[in-house]
Amino acid sequence: MNIELMLFAVGYAFLAVLLLFRLAKGPTAPDRMVAGDSMDVLVCCAMVLYSLYSGRGIYLDIAIICAALGIVDTMLVGRYLEKGRWFDK
């Protein structure tokens, strides 16, 4: 295993612990939403790095799908927090 990849893994683990703390202790719902969105970005970046390490392109496809679903999730939860409902009626 490359030393650079190991450093990235340690850094990502540290960031994940910080984000989990913010997700659990966030004082407001928007703080928790931002922590969840950041966790989604972190997972997508980790999948891209693992794809580069393993040489398999399937993880890139999964990372793209995960990022797209994360964007939709962030928009829906943000709208819910702003207006109190999911869609316009």
C-alpha atoms as a PDB file:
ATOM      1  CA  MET A   1       0.000   0.000   0.000  1.00  0.00           C
ATOM      2  CA  ASN A   2       1.330   3.431  -0.918  1.00  0.00           C
ATOM      3  CA  ILE A   3       2.263   5.781   1.896  1.00  0.00           C
ATOM      4  CA  GLU A   4       0.286   8.600   0.246  1.00  0.00           C
ATOM      5  CA  LEU A   5      -2.872   6.508   0.205  1.00  0.00           C
ATOM      6  CA  MET A   6      -2.322   5.586   3.835  1.00  0.00           C
ATOM      7  CA  LEU A   7      -2.009   9.283   4.760  1.00  0.00           C
ATOM      8  CA  PHE A   8      -5.233  10.056   2.895  1.00  0.00           C
ATOM      9  CA  ALA A   9      -6.982   7.206   4.716  1.00  0.00           C
ATOM     10  CA  VAL A  10      -5.858   8.505   8.116  1.00  0.00           C
ATOM     11  CA  GLY A  11      -6.925  12.036   7.197  1.00  0.00           C
ATOM     12  CA  TYR A  12     -10.315  10.840   5.977  1.00  0.00           C
ATOM     13  CA  ALA A  13     -10.830   8.812   9.148  1.00  0.00           C
ATOM     14  CA  PHE A  14     -10.056  11.884  11.255  1.00  0.00           C
ATOM     15  CA  LEU A  15     -12.477  14.002   9.226  1.00  0.00           C
ATOM     16  CA  ALA A  16     -15.152  11.301   9.489  1.00  0.00           C
ATOM     17  CA  VAL A  17     -14.861  11.300  13.296  1.00  0.00           C
ATOM     18  CA  LEU A  18     -15.226  15.086  13.374  1.00  0.00           C
ATOM     19  CA  LEU A  19     -18.248  14.953  11.075  1.00  0.00           C
ATOM     20  CA  LEU A  20     -19.874  12.193  13.126  1.00  0.00           C
ATOM     21  CA  PHE A  21     -19.464  14.341  16.215  1.00  0.00           C
ATOM     22  CA  ARG A  22     -21.115  17.290  14.445  1.00  0.00           C
ATOM     23  CA  LEU A  23     -23.857  15.019  13.128  1.00  0.00           C
ATOM     24  CA  ALA A  24     -24.644  13.794  16.638  1.00  0.00           C
ATOM     25  CA  LYS A  25     -24.184  17.030  18.590  1.00  0.00           C
ATOM     26  CA  GLY A  26     -25.149  19.655  16.021  1.00  0.00           C
ATOM     27  CA  PRO A  27     -27.077  22.382  17.805  1.00  0.00           C
ATOM     28  CA  THR A  28     -29.519  22.905  14.940  1.00  0.00           C
ATOM     29  CA  ALA A  29     -31.000  20.861  12.119  1.00  0.00           C
ATOM     30  CA  PRO A  30     -29.132  22.795   9.382  1.00  0.00           C
ATOM     31  CA  ASP A  31     -25.839  22.003  11.144  1.00  0.00           C
ATOM     32  CA  ARG A  32     -26.714  18.317  11.035  1.00  0.00           C
ATOM     33  CA  MET A  33     -27.713  18.603   7.389  1.00  0.00           C
ATOM     34  CA  VAL A  34     -24.393  20.195   6.451  1.00  0.00           C
ATOM     35  CA  ALA A  35     -22.521  17.491   8.385  1.00  0.00           C
ATOM     36  CA  GLY A  36     -24.476  14.780   6.574  1.00  0.00           C
ATOM     37  CA  ASP A  37     -23.788  16.381   3.199  1.00  0.00           C
ATOM     38  CA  SER A  38     -20.103  16.676   4.045  1.00  0.00           C
ATOM     39  CA  MET A  39     -20.082  13.018   5.049  1.00  0.00           C
ATOM     40  CA  ASP A  40     -21.580  12.157   1.647  1.00  0.00           C
ATOM     41  CA  VAL A  41     -18.837  14.090  -0.127  1.00  0.00           C
ATOM     42  CA  LEU A  42     -16.228  12.376   2.041  1.00  0.00           C
ATOM     43  CA  VAL A  43     -17.581   8.926   1.163  1.00  0.00           C
ATOM     44  CA  CYS A  44     -17.633   9.768  -2.555  1.00  0.00           C
ATOM     45  CA  CYS A  45     -14.028  10.963  -2.435  1.00  0.00           C
ATOM     46  CA  ALA A  46     -13.006   7.821  -0.561  1.00  0.00           C
ATOM     47  CA  MET A  47     -14.634   5.692  -3.268  1.00  0.00           C
ATOM     48  CA  VAL A  48     -12.746   7.584  -5.955  1.00  0.00           C
ATOM     49  CA  LEU A  49      -9.467   7.052  -4.105  1.00  0.00           C
ATOM     50  CA  TYR A  50     -10.212   3.356  -3.651  1.00  0.00           C
ATOM     51  CA  SER A  51     -11.009   3.115  -7.361  1.00  0.00           C
ATOM     52  CA  LEU A  52      -7.631   4.615  -8.172  1.00  0.00           C
ATOM     53  CA  TYR A  53      -5.931   2.235  -5.757  1.00  0.00           C
ATOM     54  CA  SER A  54      -7.672  -0.914  -6.976  1.00  0.00           C
ATOM     55  CA  GLY A  55      -7.721   0.007 -10.667  1.00  0.00           C
ATOM     56  CA  ARG A  56     -11.410  -0.864 -11.021  1.00  0.00           C
ATOM     57  CA  GLY A  57     -13.730   1.643 -12.647  1.00  0.00           C
ATOM     58  CA  ILE A  58     -16.936   0.361 -11.075  1.00  0.00           C
ATOM     59  CA  TYR A  59     -16.228   2.349  -7.923  1.00  0.00           C
ATOM     60  CA  LEU A  60     -16.189   5.554  -9.969  1.00  0.00           C
ATOM     61  CA  ASP A  61     -19.690   4.796 -11.229  1.00  0.00           C
ATOM     62  CA  ILE A  62     -20.876   4.134  -7.685  1.00  0.00           C
ATOM     63  CA  ALA A  63     -19.259   7.383  -6.493  1.00  0.00           C
ATOM     64  CA  ILE A  64     -21.070   9.359  -9.211  1.00  0.00           C
ATOM     65  CA  ILE A  65     -24.422   7.810  -8.262  1.00  0.00           C
ATOM     66  CA  CYS A  66     -23.740   8.459  -4.575  1.00  0.00           C
ATOM     67  CA  ALA A  67     -22.902  12.106  -5.298  1.00  0.00           C
ATOM     68  CA  ALA A  68     -26.042  12.578  -7.407  1.00  0.00           C
ATOM     69  CA  LEU A  69     -28.241  11.095  -4.697  1.00  0.00           C
ATOM     70  CA  GLY A  70     -26.513  13.262  -2.104  1.00  0.00           C
ATOM     71  CA  ILE A  71     -27.331  16.410  -4.071  1.00  0.00           C
ATOM     72  CA  VAL A  72     -30.998  15.446  -4.367  1.00  0.00           C
ATOM     73  CA  ASP A  73     -31.126  14.559  -0.673  1.00  0.00           C
ATOM     74  CA  THR A  74     -29.591  17.902   0.320  1.00  0.00           C
ATOM     75  CA  MET A  75     -32.058  19.824  -1.824  1.00  0.00           C
ATOM     76  CA  LEU A  76     -35.066  17.961  -0.413  1.00  0.00           C
ATOM     77  CA  VAL A  77     -34.005  18.243   3.215  1.00  0.00           C
ATOM     78  CA  GLY A  78     -33.100  21.919   2.769  1.00  0.00           C
ATOM     79  CA  ARG A  79     -36.502  22.623   1.274  1.00  0.00           C
ATOM     80  CA  TYR A  80     -38.178  20.741   4.110  1.00  0.00           C
ATOM     81  CA  LEU A  81     -36.259  22.710   6.727  1.00  0.00           C
ATOM     82  CA  GLU A  82     -37.047  25.979   4.988  1.00  0.00           C
ATOM     83  CA  LYS A  83     -40.769  25.543   4.251  1.00  0.00           C
ATOM     84  CA  GLY A  84     -41.846  22.625   6.391  1.00  0.00           C
ATOM     85  CA  ARG A  85     -42.936  20.427   3.475  1.00  0.00           C
ATOM     86  CA  TRP A  86     -41.230  18.391   0.760  1.00  0.00           C
ATOM     87  CA  PHE A  87     -42.921  19.673  -2.395  1.00  0.00           C
ATOM     88  CA  ASP A  88     -45.097  22.623  -3.468  1.00  0.00           C
ATOM     89  CA  LYS A  89     -48.799  22.032  -3.259  1.00  0.00           C
END
